[in-house]
């Protein structure tokens, strides 16, 4: 249900940080004015947004692990956001529909792309809950975490420094998270053990995998 990715190289991270440093940010509630828990800043410069989102969107669509895990049908262009000291994003689940200029997409998977390092700020962990358990993420620059959009999650209060990330939402070709995870496991086994299996058994497993994809893909 959760996948950490190595997404951006050092040059891409530097370019994105340079864009952020030279661009205008505004109150994040501009995109969710009724939220009582959102307290951050987001990029508000059309040219900077277009340039930065293309870098990250291209990286996502070129990342084999992301494609195999998410089965993306539509991906919202990633938006750079910032938390300064005292800012947080309280516990919430992401909206089921994400408005885009081309039309709304269903949020099956949420994605956070880390642009600065865990030593650059104190607090500010992404905390994702799963039942009574929770996990905290503070990734290194260029890494990303993808997780189900229906989970309750929060960005804990930043107490020092600045948290710089980008967020995106994915509509998957396979809506059901359990079905999506099952197909991902099939892909992983085929990739890791396929050469060690008898050809006829590998072929049968591959046929079952393809038939499940036919049944479940939208």
N, C-alpha and C. Protein backbone atom coordinates (compact mmCIF):
# COMPACT_ATOMS: atom_id res chain seq x y z
N UNK A 1 0.81 -1.21 0.00
CA UNK A 1 0.00 0.00 0.00
C UNK A 1 0.85 1.26 0.00
N UNK A 2 2.10 1.14 0.38
CA UNK A 2 3.03 2.28 0.42
C UNK A 2 4.26 1.93 -0.40
N UNK A 3 4.78 2.90 -1.12
CA UNK A 3 5.97 2.65 -1.94
C UNK A 3 6.86 3.87 -1.90
N UNK A 4 8.12 3.67 -1.52
CA UNK A 4 9.10 4.75 -1.57
C UNK A 4 9.91 4.64 -2.86
N UNK A 5 10.11 5.76 -3.51
CA UNK A 5 10.74 5.80 -4.83
C UNK A 5 11.97 6.68 -4.81
N UNK A 6 12.97 6.29 -5.58
CA UNK A 6 14.09 7.18 -5.90
C UNK A 6 13.72 7.83 -7.24
N UNK A 7 13.36 9.12 -7.20
CA UNK A 7 12.68 9.73 -8.35
C UNK A 7 13.52 10.75 -9.11
N UNK A 8 14.16 11.68 -8.41
CA UNK A 8 14.85 12.80 -9.05
C UNK A 8 16.35 12.73 -8.78
N UNK A 9 17.15 13.15 -9.77
CA UNK A 9 18.59 13.21 -9.54
C UNK A 9 18.95 14.57 -8.93
N UNK A 10 20.22 14.74 -8.59
CA UNK A 10 20.67 15.95 -7.89
C UNK A 10 20.44 17.21 -8.73
N UNK A 11 20.67 17.11 -10.03
CA UNK A 11 20.47 18.28 -10.89
C UNK A 11 19.00 18.69 -10.94
N UNK A 12 18.12 17.70 -11.01
CA UNK A 12 16.69 18.01 -11.03
C UNK A 12 16.25 18.64 -9.72
N UNK A 13 16.75 18.12 -8.61
CA UNK A 13 16.41 18.68 -7.30
C UNK A 13 16.89 20.13 -7.22
N UNK A 14 18.12 20.38 -7.66
CA UNK A 14 18.66 21.75 -7.62
C UNK A 14 17.82 22.69 -8.47
N UNK A 15 17.45 22.25 -9.65
CA UNK A 15 16.61 23.08 -10.52
C UNK A 15 15.29 23.42 -9.85
N UNK A 16 14.67 22.44 -9.22
CA UNK A 16 13.38 22.65 -8.57
C UNK A 16 13.51 23.58 -7.36
N UNK A 17 14.61 23.44 -6.62
CA UNK A 17 14.81 24.32 -5.48
C UNK A 17 15.09 25.75 -5.94
N UNK A 18 15.82 25.89 -7.05
CA UNK A 18 16.08 27.22 -7.60
C UNK A 18 14.77 27.87 -8.05
N UNK A 19 13.91 27.07 -8.69
CA UNK A 19 12.59 27.60 -9.11
C UNK A 19 11.81 28.07 -7.90
N UNK A 20 11.79 27.24 -6.85
CA UNK A 20 11.04 27.60 -5.64
C UNK A 20 11.59 28.87 -5.01
N UNK A 21 12.91 29.00 -4.98
CA UNK A 21 13.54 30.14 -4.32
C UNK A 21 13.21 31.45 -5.02
N UNK A 22 13.01 31.41 -6.33
CA UNK A 22 12.79 32.63 -7.09
C UNK A 22 11.32 32.87 -7.43
N UNK A 23 10.43 32.07 -6.87
CA UNK A 23 9.01 32.16 -7.22
C UNK A 23 8.16 32.63 -6.05
N UNK A 24 6.96 33.05 -6.39
CA UNK A 24 6.00 33.53 -5.39
C UNK A 24 5.22 32.36 -4.79
N UNK A 25 5.05 32.39 -3.46
CA UNK A 25 4.21 31.43 -2.76
C UNK A 25 3.07 32.19 -2.08
N UNK A 26 1.93 31.52 -1.97
CA UNK A 26 0.77 32.12 -1.30
C UNK A 26 0.20 31.11 -0.30
N UNK A 27 -0.74 31.57 0.51
CA UNK A 27 -1.41 30.72 1.48
C UNK A 27 -2.03 29.52 0.76
N UNK A 28 -1.70 28.31 1.26
CA UNK A 28 -2.20 27.09 0.62
C UNK A 28 -3.70 26.96 0.62
N UNK A 29 -4.39 27.73 1.44
CA UNK A 29 -5.86 27.64 1.45
C UNK A 29 -6.48 28.19 0.18
N UNK A 30 -5.67 28.80 -0.69
CA UNK A 30 -6.20 29.29 -1.96
C UNK A 30 -6.81 28.15 -2.77
N UNK A 31 -6.29 26.92 -2.57
CA UNK A 31 -6.82 25.78 -3.31
C UNK A 31 -7.80 24.96 -2.48
N UNK A 32 -7.98 25.33 -1.20
CA UNK A 32 -8.92 24.62 -0.33
C UNK A 32 -9.39 25.59 0.75
N UNK A 33 -10.20 26.60 0.35
CA UNK A 33 -10.52 27.69 1.27
C UNK A 33 -11.34 27.29 2.49
N UNK A 34 -12.00 26.14 2.45
CA UNK A 34 -12.85 25.73 3.56
C UNK A 34 -12.12 24.82 4.55
N UNK A 35 -10.86 24.52 4.28
CA UNK A 35 -10.11 23.63 5.18
C UNK A 35 -9.82 24.30 6.51
N UNK A 36 -10.01 23.56 7.59
CA UNK A 36 -9.68 24.05 8.92
C UNK A 36 -8.32 23.55 9.39
N UNK A 37 -7.69 22.70 8.59
CA UNK A 37 -6.45 22.08 9.05
C UNK A 37 -5.26 22.41 8.16
N UNK A 38 -5.48 23.05 7.02
CA UNK A 38 -4.39 23.32 6.08
C UNK A 38 -3.68 24.61 6.48
N UNK A 39 -2.39 24.51 6.70
CA UNK A 39 -1.59 25.67 7.09
C UNK A 39 -0.22 25.55 6.44
N UNK A 40 -0.15 25.92 5.17
CA UNK A 40 1.11 25.85 4.43
C UNK A 40 1.11 26.91 3.34
N UNK A 41 2.16 26.90 2.55
CA UNK A 41 2.28 27.79 1.40
C UNK A 41 2.39 26.95 0.14
N UNK A 42 1.91 27.48 -0.99
CA UNK A 42 2.06 26.75 -2.24
C UNK A 42 2.48 27.69 -3.36
N UNK A 43 3.18 27.12 -4.32
CA UNK A 43 3.69 27.89 -5.46
C UNK A 43 2.53 28.58 -6.18
N UNK A 44 2.73 29.86 -6.50
CA UNK A 44 1.66 30.62 -7.16
C UNK A 44 2.28 31.48 -8.26
N UNK A 45 2.86 30.80 -9.23
CA UNK A 45 3.52 31.45 -10.35
C UNK A 45 3.32 30.53 -11.55
N UNK A 46 2.45 30.90 -12.49
CA UNK A 46 2.09 29.98 -13.58
C UNK A 46 3.29 29.43 -14.36
N UNK A 47 4.25 30.29 -14.68
CA UNK A 47 5.40 29.82 -15.45
C UNK A 47 6.25 28.87 -14.63
N UNK A 48 6.47 29.19 -13.36
CA UNK A 48 7.26 28.33 -12.48
C UNK A 48 6.56 27.00 -12.25
N UNK A 49 5.24 27.05 -12.10
CA UNK A 49 4.47 25.82 -11.90
C UNK A 49 4.56 24.92 -13.13
N UNK A 50 4.43 25.50 -14.30
CA UNK A 50 4.51 24.71 -15.53
C UNK A 50 5.88 24.06 -15.67
N UNK A 51 6.94 24.83 -15.40
CA UNK A 51 8.29 24.29 -15.54
C UNK A 51 8.57 23.21 -14.49
N UNK A 52 8.23 23.48 -13.25
CA UNK A 52 8.54 22.52 -12.18
C UNK A 52 7.69 21.26 -12.28
N UNK A 53 6.42 21.43 -12.58
CA UNK A 53 5.54 20.26 -12.64
C UNK A 53 5.93 19.33 -13.79
N UNK A 54 6.42 19.89 -14.89
CA UNK A 54 6.84 19.05 -16.02
C UNK A 54 8.04 18.19 -15.64
N UNK A 55 9.00 18.78 -14.91
CA UNK A 55 10.17 18.01 -14.49
C UNK A 55 9.74 16.81 -13.66
N UNK A 56 8.85 17.04 -12.70
CA UNK A 56 8.45 15.96 -11.81
C UNK A 56 7.50 14.98 -12.46
N UNK A 57 6.59 15.47 -13.29
CA UNK A 57 5.67 14.58 -13.98
C UNK A 57 6.42 13.67 -14.95
N UNK A 58 7.38 14.22 -15.68
CA UNK A 58 8.19 13.41 -16.59
C UNK A 58 8.97 12.35 -15.82
N UNK A 59 9.48 12.73 -14.63
CA UNK A 59 10.23 11.76 -13.82
C UNK A 59 9.33 10.63 -13.34
N UNK A 60 8.12 10.96 -12.93
CA UNK A 60 7.19 9.93 -12.48
C UNK A 60 6.87 8.96 -13.62
N UNK A 61 6.58 9.50 -14.80
CA UNK A 61 6.16 8.65 -15.91
C UNK A 61 7.33 7.87 -16.52
N UNK A 62 8.55 8.21 -16.15
CA UNK A 62 9.72 7.46 -16.60
C UNK A 62 10.21 6.48 -15.54
N UNK A 63 9.54 6.45 -14.39
CA UNK A 63 9.99 5.61 -13.28
C UNK A 63 9.26 4.27 -13.30
N UNK A 64 10.00 3.19 -13.57
CA UNK A 64 9.38 1.88 -13.72
C UNK A 64 8.67 1.42 -12.45
N UNK A 65 9.27 1.69 -11.31
CA UNK A 65 8.64 1.28 -10.04
C UNK A 65 7.30 1.98 -9.84
N UNK A 66 7.26 3.25 -10.17
CA UNK A 66 6.01 3.99 -10.04
C UNK A 66 4.94 3.42 -10.97
N UNK A 67 5.30 3.18 -12.21
CA UNK A 67 4.33 2.67 -13.18
C UNK A 67 3.80 1.31 -12.76
N UNK A 68 4.69 0.43 -12.28
CA UNK A 68 4.27 -0.91 -11.88
C UNK A 68 3.42 -0.89 -10.61
N UNK A 69 3.66 0.08 -9.74
CA UNK A 69 2.95 0.14 -8.47
C UNK A 69 1.60 0.84 -8.62
N UNK A 70 1.57 1.94 -9.37
CA UNK A 70 0.38 2.80 -9.40
C UNK A 70 -0.57 2.51 -10.56
N UNK A 71 -0.09 1.90 -11.65
CA UNK A 71 -0.91 1.72 -12.85
C UNK A 71 -1.61 3.04 -13.20
N UNK A 72 -0.85 4.13 -13.40
CA UNK A 72 -1.47 5.45 -13.52
C UNK A 72 -2.28 5.61 -14.80
N UNK A 73 -3.46 6.19 -14.63
CA UNK A 73 -4.29 6.58 -15.77
C UNK A 73 -4.21 8.09 -15.98
N UNK A 74 -4.31 8.83 -14.88
CA UNK A 74 -4.14 10.28 -14.91
C UNK A 74 -3.30 10.68 -13.70
N UNK A 75 -2.40 11.65 -13.90
CA UNK A 75 -1.55 12.14 -12.81
C UNK A 75 -1.66 13.66 -12.75
N UNK A 76 -2.01 14.18 -11.58
CA UNK A 76 -2.07 15.63 -11.41
C UNK A 76 -0.67 16.21 -11.45
N UNK A 77 -0.43 17.29 -12.19
CA UNK A 77 0.90 17.91 -12.21
C UNK A 77 1.35 18.25 -10.80
N UNK A 78 2.50 17.78 -10.36
CA UNK A 78 2.94 18.03 -8.97
C UNK A 78 3.07 19.51 -8.67
N UNK A 79 2.64 19.88 -7.46
CA UNK A 79 2.66 21.27 -6.99
C UNK A 79 3.64 21.39 -5.82
N UNK A 80 4.58 22.35 -5.92
CA UNK A 80 5.52 22.58 -4.83
C UNK A 80 4.82 23.31 -3.68
N UNK A 81 5.02 22.79 -2.47
CA UNK A 81 4.47 23.42 -1.27
C UNK A 81 5.58 23.60 -0.24
N UNK A 82 5.31 24.47 0.72
CA UNK A 82 6.32 24.81 1.71
C UNK A 82 5.67 24.95 3.09
N UNK A 83 6.35 24.41 4.09
CA UNK A 83 5.97 24.63 5.49
C UNK A 83 7.12 25.36 6.19
N UNK A 84 6.81 26.51 6.78
CA UNK A 84 7.77 27.25 7.59
C UNK A 84 7.48 27.00 9.07
N UNK A 85 8.36 27.44 9.97
CA UNK A 85 8.14 27.19 11.40
C UNK A 85 6.74 27.60 11.85
N UNK A 86 6.11 26.70 12.59
CA UNK A 86 4.76 26.92 13.08
C UNK A 86 3.67 26.39 12.17
N UNK A 87 4.04 25.99 10.95
CA UNK A 87 3.04 25.50 10.00
C UNK A 87 2.90 23.99 10.07
N UNK A 88 1.70 23.53 9.79
CA UNK A 88 1.42 22.10 9.72
C UNK A 88 0.23 21.88 8.79
N UNK A 89 -0.12 20.63 8.57
CA UNK A 89 -1.33 20.29 7.82
C UNK A 89 -1.99 19.19 8.63
N UNK A 90 -3.06 19.54 9.34
CA UNK A 90 -3.70 18.63 10.28
C UNK A 90 -4.23 17.37 9.63
N UNK A 91 -4.65 16.44 10.47
CA UNK A 91 -5.10 15.13 10.03
C UNK A 91 -6.27 15.26 9.06
N UNK A 92 -6.16 14.58 7.92
CA UNK A 92 -7.19 14.67 6.88
C UNK A 92 -7.05 13.50 5.92
N UNK A 93 -8.09 13.27 5.14
CA UNK A 93 -8.01 12.39 3.97
C UNK A 93 -8.13 13.28 2.74
N UNK A 94 -7.47 12.91 1.67
CA UNK A 94 -7.51 13.74 0.47
C UNK A 94 -8.87 13.65 -0.22
N UNK A 95 -9.24 14.73 -0.85
CA UNK A 95 -10.51 14.79 -1.56
C UNK A 95 -10.58 13.68 -2.61
N UNK A 96 -11.78 13.14 -2.79
CA UNK A 96 -11.96 12.06 -3.76
C UNK A 96 -11.75 12.53 -5.19
N UNK A 97 -12.09 13.80 -5.46
CA UNK A 97 -11.95 14.37 -6.80
C UNK A 97 -11.01 15.57 -6.74
N UNK A 98 -10.03 15.57 -7.63
CA UNK A 98 -9.05 16.66 -7.70
C UNK A 98 -9.35 17.48 -8.95
N UNK A 99 -9.72 18.76 -8.80
CA UNK A 99 -10.03 19.57 -9.99
C UNK A 99 -8.76 19.93 -10.76
N UNK A 100 -8.81 19.74 -12.06
CA UNK A 100 -7.73 20.12 -12.96
C UNK A 100 -8.32 20.87 -14.14
N UNK A 101 -7.53 21.68 -14.83
CA UNK A 101 -8.06 22.41 -15.99
C UNK A 101 -8.67 21.48 -17.05
N UNK A 102 -8.14 20.27 -17.17
CA UNK A 102 -8.65 19.32 -18.16
C UNK A 102 -9.85 18.54 -17.64
N UNK A 103 -10.24 18.76 -16.39
CA UNK A 103 -11.35 18.04 -15.79
C UNK A 103 -10.89 17.32 -14.54
N UNK A 104 -11.81 16.99 -13.64
CA UNK A 104 -11.43 16.37 -12.37
C UNK A 104 -10.93 14.95 -12.56
N UNK A 105 -10.01 14.54 -11.66
CA UNK A 105 -9.56 13.15 -11.62
C UNK A 105 -9.87 12.58 -10.24
N UNK A 106 -10.03 11.26 -10.18
CA UNK A 106 -10.27 10.58 -8.91
C UNK A 106 -8.94 10.35 -8.22
N UNK A 107 -8.86 10.66 -6.95
CA UNK A 107 -7.59 10.45 -6.23
C UNK A 107 -7.59 9.06 -5.61
N UNK A 108 -6.88 8.15 -6.24
CA UNK A 108 -6.68 6.81 -5.69
C UNK A 108 -5.39 6.75 -4.88
N UNK A 109 -4.37 7.47 -5.33
CA UNK A 109 -3.04 7.43 -4.73
C UNK A 109 -2.54 8.85 -4.56
N UNK A 110 -1.96 9.14 -3.40
CA UNK A 110 -1.34 10.43 -3.15
C UNK A 110 0.18 10.27 -3.20
N UNK A 111 0.85 11.34 -3.57
CA UNK A 111 2.30 11.29 -3.75
C UNK A 111 2.93 12.54 -3.14
N UNK A 112 3.94 12.33 -2.32
CA UNK A 112 4.76 13.43 -1.79
C UNK A 112 6.19 13.26 -2.30
N UNK A 113 6.73 14.30 -2.93
CA UNK A 113 8.09 14.30 -3.46
C UNK A 113 8.92 15.24 -2.59
N UNK A 114 9.97 14.71 -1.98
CA UNK A 114 10.78 15.50 -1.05
C UNK A 114 11.87 16.25 -1.82
N UNK A 115 11.95 17.57 -1.57
CA UNK A 115 12.91 18.41 -2.29
C UNK A 115 14.05 18.90 -1.40
N UNK A 116 13.87 18.89 -0.10
CA UNK A 116 15.02 19.13 0.78
C UNK A 116 15.12 17.99 1.80
N UNK A 117 16.20 17.97 2.54
CA UNK A 117 16.51 16.81 3.36
C UNK A 117 15.94 16.88 4.76
N UNK A 118 15.90 15.75 5.44
CA UNK A 118 15.35 15.71 6.80
C UNK A 118 16.13 16.54 7.80
N UNK A 119 17.39 16.86 7.49
CA UNK A 119 18.18 17.70 8.39
C UNK A 119 17.95 19.19 8.16
N UNK A 120 17.18 19.52 7.12
CA UNK A 120 16.93 20.92 6.81
C UNK A 120 15.79 21.51 7.63
N UNK A 121 15.07 20.66 8.35
CA UNK A 121 13.96 21.16 9.17
C UNK A 121 13.70 20.19 10.31
N UNK A 122 13.10 20.71 11.36
CA UNK A 122 12.71 19.89 12.51
C UNK A 122 11.19 19.78 12.54
N UNK A 123 10.70 18.62 12.94
CA UNK A 123 9.27 18.37 12.84
C UNK A 123 8.94 18.10 11.38
N UNK A 124 7.69 18.35 10.98
CA UNK A 124 7.32 18.30 9.57
C UNK A 124 7.27 16.92 8.95
N UNK A 125 7.22 15.86 9.76
CA UNK A 125 7.12 14.52 9.18
C UNK A 125 5.73 14.31 8.57
N UNK A 126 5.68 13.59 7.48
CA UNK A 126 4.41 13.11 6.94
C UNK A 126 4.02 11.87 7.75
N UNK A 127 2.90 11.96 8.46
CA UNK A 127 2.44 10.84 9.27
C UNK A 127 1.20 10.26 8.61
N UNK A 128 1.28 9.00 8.21
CA UNK A 128 0.18 8.31 7.55
C UNK A 128 -0.33 7.23 8.50
N UNK A 129 -1.63 7.22 8.74
CA UNK A 129 -2.21 6.24 9.64
C UNK A 129 -2.76 5.06 8.86
N UNK A 130 -2.73 3.90 9.49
CA UNK A 130 -3.31 2.69 8.91
C UNK A 130 -3.89 1.89 10.07
N UNK A 131 -5.20 2.03 10.26
CA UNK A 131 -5.81 1.45 11.43
C UNK A 131 -5.30 2.17 12.67
N UNK A 132 -4.81 1.40 13.64
CA UNK A 132 -4.27 2.00 14.85
C UNK A 132 -2.77 2.28 14.73
N UNK A 133 -2.17 1.88 13.63
CA UNK A 133 -0.75 2.10 13.43
C UNK A 133 -0.53 3.38 12.63
N UNK A 134 0.68 3.90 12.68
CA UNK A 134 1.02 5.06 11.87
C UNK A 134 2.49 4.97 11.48
N UNK A 135 2.81 5.61 10.37
CA UNK A 135 4.18 5.65 9.87
C UNK A 135 4.54 7.10 9.58
N UNK A 136 5.80 7.44 9.83
CA UNK A 136 6.29 8.79 9.59
C UNK A 136 7.36 8.76 8.50
N UNK A 137 7.31 9.74 7.61
CA UNK A 137 8.23 9.80 6.49
C UNK A 137 8.86 11.19 6.41
N UNK A 138 10.20 11.22 6.34
CA UNK A 138 10.96 12.44 6.02
C UNK A 138 12.04 11.99 5.04
N UNK A 139 11.72 12.06 3.76
CA UNK A 139 12.60 11.50 2.75
C UNK A 139 13.79 12.39 2.43
N UNK A 140 14.79 11.79 1.81
CA UNK A 140 15.94 12.55 1.32
C UNK A 140 15.57 13.24 0.02
N UNK A 141 16.31 14.29 -0.37
CA UNK A 141 15.97 15.04 -1.58
C UNK A 141 15.90 14.13 -2.82
N UNK A 142 14.81 14.26 -3.56
CA UNK A 142 14.65 13.48 -4.78
C UNK A 142 13.89 12.19 -4.60
N UNK A 143 13.58 11.82 -3.35
CA UNK A 143 12.79 10.62 -3.12
C UNK A 143 11.31 10.98 -3.02
N UNK A 144 10.47 9.97 -3.15
CA UNK A 144 9.02 10.19 -3.08
C UNK A 144 8.38 9.04 -2.32
N UNK A 145 7.22 9.32 -1.75
CA UNK A 145 6.41 8.29 -1.12
C UNK A 145 5.02 8.34 -1.74
N UNK A 146 4.50 7.18 -2.15
CA UNK A 146 3.13 7.10 -2.66
C UNK A 146 2.33 6.21 -1.72
N UNK A 147 1.07 6.57 -1.50
CA UNK A 147 0.24 5.89 -0.52
C UNK A 147 -1.23 6.13 -0.87
N UNK A 148 -2.14 5.29 -0.36
CA UNK A 148 -3.56 5.44 -0.71
C UNK A 148 -4.13 6.77 -0.24
N UNK A 149 -4.88 7.42 -1.11
CA UNK A 149 -5.42 8.74 -0.79
C UNK A 149 -6.48 8.69 0.30
N UNK A 150 -7.09 7.52 0.52
CA UNK A 150 -8.15 7.44 1.52
C UNK A 150 -7.60 7.40 2.94
N UNK A 151 -6.31 7.18 3.12
CA UNK A 151 -5.76 7.10 4.47
C UNK A 151 -5.80 8.48 5.14
N UNK A 152 -5.98 8.47 6.45
CA UNK A 152 -5.83 9.70 7.21
C UNK A 152 -4.35 10.00 7.36
N UNK A 153 -3.96 11.22 7.08
CA UNK A 153 -2.55 11.58 7.17
C UNK A 153 -2.43 13.06 7.53
N UNK A 154 -1.23 13.44 7.95
CA UNK A 154 -0.99 14.82 8.34
C UNK A 154 0.49 15.16 8.12
N UNK A 155 0.76 16.45 8.06
CA UNK A 155 2.13 16.95 8.13
C UNK A 155 2.28 17.58 9.51
N UNK A 156 3.16 16.99 10.32
CA UNK A 156 3.34 17.49 11.67
C UNK A 156 3.98 18.89 11.64
N UNK A 157 3.77 19.64 12.71
CA UNK A 157 4.20 21.03 12.75
C UNK A 157 5.73 21.14 12.58
N UNK A 158 6.13 22.03 11.69
CA UNK A 158 7.55 22.35 11.53
C UNK A 158 7.96 23.29 12.66
N UNK A 159 9.01 22.97 13.37
CA UNK A 159 9.46 23.80 14.49
C UNK A 159 10.72 24.59 14.16
N UNK A 160 11.43 24.19 13.11
CA UNK A 160 12.65 24.89 12.73
C UNK A 160 12.96 24.56 11.27
N UNK A 161 13.48 25.56 10.54
CA UNK A 161 13.85 25.33 9.14
C UNK A 161 12.65 25.42 8.23
N UNK A 162 12.76 24.78 7.08
CA UNK A 162 11.72 24.86 6.05
C UNK A 162 11.56 23.51 5.37
N UNK A 163 10.33 23.05 5.28
CA UNK A 163 10.01 21.79 4.61
C UNK A 163 9.53 22.11 3.19
N UNK A 164 10.25 21.61 2.19
CA UNK A 164 9.92 21.86 0.79
C UNK A 164 9.64 20.53 0.11
N UNK A 165 8.42 20.37 -0.36
CA UNK A 165 8.02 19.14 -1.04
C UNK A 165 7.13 19.51 -2.22
N UNK A 166 6.78 18.50 -3.00
CA UNK A 166 5.74 18.66 -4.01
C UNK A 166 4.72 17.56 -3.79
N UNK A 167 3.47 17.84 -4.13
CA UNK A 167 2.41 16.85 -3.96
C UNK A 167 1.71 16.61 -5.29
N UNK A 168 1.24 15.38 -5.44
CA UNK A 168 0.49 15.01 -6.64
C UNK A 168 -0.54 13.96 -6.27
N UNK A 169 -1.48 13.73 -7.17
CA UNK A 169 -2.53 12.73 -6.97
C UNK A 169 -2.68 11.92 -8.25
N UNK A 170 -2.94 10.64 -8.08
CA UNK A 170 -2.97 9.72 -9.21
C UNK A 170 -4.31 9.00 -9.27
N UNK A 171 -4.92 9.01 -10.44
CA UNK A 171 -6.06 8.13 -10.71
C UNK A 171 -5.51 6.88 -11.37
N UNK A 172 -5.71 5.74 -10.72
CA UNK A 172 -5.16 4.49 -11.21
C UNK A 172 -6.11 3.81 -12.19
N UNK A 173 -5.54 3.03 -13.10
CA UNK A 173 -6.36 2.19 -13.98
C UNK A 173 -7.06 1.09 -13.19
N UNK A 174 -6.56 0.83 -11.98
CA UNK A 174 -7.15 -0.19 -11.11
C UNK A 174 -7.54 0.52 -9.81
N UNK A 175 -8.83 0.75 -9.64
CA UNK A 175 -9.32 1.56 -8.53
C UNK A 175 -9.09 0.89 -7.17
N UNK A 176 -9.33 -0.41 -7.09
CA UNK A 176 -9.29 -1.12 -5.81
C UNK A 176 -7.84 -1.35 -5.37
N UNK A 177 -7.51 -0.89 -4.17
CA UNK A 177 -6.12 -0.96 -3.70
C UNK A 177 -5.65 -2.40 -3.53
N UNK A 178 -6.51 -3.31 -3.09
CA UNK A 178 -6.10 -4.70 -2.90
C UNK A 178 -5.81 -5.36 -4.25
N UNK A 179 -6.64 -5.09 -5.24
CA UNK A 179 -6.40 -5.64 -6.57
C UNK A 179 -5.10 -5.07 -7.16
N UNK A 180 -4.90 -3.79 -6.94
CA UNK A 180 -3.68 -3.14 -7.45
C UNK A 180 -2.44 -3.75 -6.80
N UNK A 181 -2.51 -3.98 -5.49
CA UNK A 181 -1.37 -4.57 -4.80
C UNK A 181 -1.11 -6.00 -5.24
N UNK A 182 -2.19 -6.75 -5.51
CA UNK A 182 -2.02 -8.12 -5.96
C UNK A 182 -1.30 -8.17 -7.31
N UNK A 183 -1.69 -7.29 -8.22
CA UNK A 183 -1.01 -7.26 -9.52
C UNK A 183 0.43 -6.80 -9.38
N UNK A 184 0.69 -5.89 -8.47
CA UNK A 184 2.06 -5.46 -8.22
C UNK A 184 2.90 -6.64 -7.73
N UNK A 185 2.35 -7.46 -6.83
CA UNK A 185 3.07 -8.62 -6.33
C UNK A 185 3.36 -9.61 -7.47
N UNK A 186 2.40 -9.81 -8.35
CA UNK A 186 2.62 -10.66 -9.52
C UNK A 186 3.80 -10.12 -10.33
N UNK A 187 3.81 -8.80 -10.57
CA UNK A 187 4.89 -8.20 -11.34
C UNK A 187 6.25 -8.41 -10.68
N UNK A 188 6.28 -8.26 -9.34
CA UNK A 188 7.53 -8.41 -8.61
C UNK A 188 8.04 -9.84 -8.68
N UNK A 189 7.15 -10.81 -8.48
CA UNK A 189 7.56 -12.22 -8.53
C UNK A 189 8.06 -12.56 -9.94
N UNK A 190 7.33 -12.09 -10.95
CA UNK A 190 7.74 -12.37 -12.34
C UNK A 190 9.12 -11.78 -12.63
N UNK A 191 9.37 -10.57 -12.12
CA UNK A 191 10.66 -9.92 -12.37
C UNK A 191 11.79 -10.60 -11.62
N UNK A 192 11.54 -11.04 -10.39
CA UNK A 192 12.60 -11.58 -9.54
C UNK A 192 12.86 -13.06 -9.78
N UNK A 193 11.81 -13.81 -10.10
CA UNK A 193 11.95 -15.27 -10.16
C UNK A 193 11.64 -15.86 -11.53
N UNK A 194 11.21 -15.03 -12.47
CA UNK A 194 10.79 -15.56 -13.76
C UNK A 194 11.83 -16.42 -14.45
N UNK A 195 13.09 -16.03 -14.38
CA UNK A 195 14.14 -16.78 -15.06
C UNK A 195 14.44 -18.11 -14.37
N UNK A 196 14.02 -18.25 -13.11
CA UNK A 196 14.27 -19.48 -12.37
C UNK A 196 13.12 -20.48 -12.50
N UNK A 197 12.00 -20.06 -13.07
CA UNK A 197 10.83 -20.93 -13.19
C UNK A 197 10.87 -21.72 -14.49
N UNK A 198 10.23 -22.86 -14.46
CA UNK A 198 10.05 -23.59 -15.72
C UNK A 198 9.20 -22.74 -16.65
N UNK A 199 9.54 -22.77 -17.92
CA UNK A 199 8.89 -21.88 -18.88
C UNK A 199 7.38 -22.04 -18.87
N UNK A 200 6.89 -23.28 -18.81
CA UNK A 200 5.44 -23.49 -18.87
C UNK A 200 4.75 -22.92 -17.62
N UNK A 201 5.42 -23.00 -16.47
CA UNK A 201 4.82 -22.44 -15.25
C UNK A 201 4.83 -20.91 -15.28
N UNK A 202 5.93 -20.34 -15.77
CA UNK A 202 6.00 -18.89 -15.91
C UNK A 202 4.92 -18.39 -16.87
N UNK A 203 4.72 -19.12 -17.96
CA UNK A 203 3.71 -18.72 -18.94
C UNK A 203 2.31 -18.77 -18.35
N UNK A 204 2.03 -19.81 -17.54
CA UNK A 204 0.72 -19.91 -16.90
C UNK A 204 0.51 -18.76 -15.91
N UNK A 205 1.55 -18.42 -15.13
CA UNK A 205 1.43 -17.32 -14.18
C UNK A 205 1.21 -16.00 -14.91
N UNK A 206 1.92 -15.81 -16.02
CA UNK A 206 1.78 -14.59 -16.80
C UNK A 206 0.37 -14.48 -17.39
N UNK A 207 -0.17 -15.60 -17.86
CA UNK A 207 -1.53 -15.60 -18.40
C UNK A 207 -2.54 -15.22 -17.33
N UNK A 208 -2.37 -15.76 -16.11
CA UNK A 208 -3.27 -15.41 -15.02
C UNK A 208 -3.17 -13.91 -14.70
N UNK A 209 -1.95 -13.40 -14.70
CA UNK A 209 -1.73 -11.98 -14.44
C UNK A 209 -2.44 -11.13 -15.49
N UNK A 210 -2.28 -11.45 -16.76
CA UNK A 210 -2.90 -10.69 -17.83
C UNK A 210 -4.42 -10.75 -17.75
N UNK A 211 -4.97 -11.92 -17.40
CA UNK A 211 -6.42 -12.05 -17.31
C UNK A 211 -6.99 -11.24 -16.16
N UNK A 212 -6.25 -11.16 -15.04
CA UNK A 212 -6.69 -10.31 -13.94
C UNK A 212 -6.67 -8.84 -14.37
N UNK A 213 -5.67 -8.45 -15.12
CA UNK A 213 -5.61 -7.08 -15.60
C UNK A 213 -6.80 -6.79 -16.53
N UNK A 214 -7.18 -7.74 -17.37
CA UNK A 214 -8.33 -7.56 -18.25
C UNK A 214 -9.61 -7.38 -17.43
N UNK A 215 -9.73 -8.13 -16.34
CA UNK A 215 -10.92 -8.08 -15.50
C UNK A 215 -11.02 -6.76 -14.73
N UNK A 216 -9.88 -6.24 -14.28
CA UNK A 216 -9.89 -5.17 -13.29
C UNK A 216 -9.58 -3.79 -13.84
N UNK A 217 -8.91 -3.71 -14.99
CA UNK A 217 -8.51 -2.39 -15.49
C UNK A 217 -9.71 -1.63 -16.04
N UNK A 218 -9.68 -0.31 -15.80
CA UNK A 218 -10.73 0.57 -16.31
C UNK A 218 -10.28 1.21 -17.60
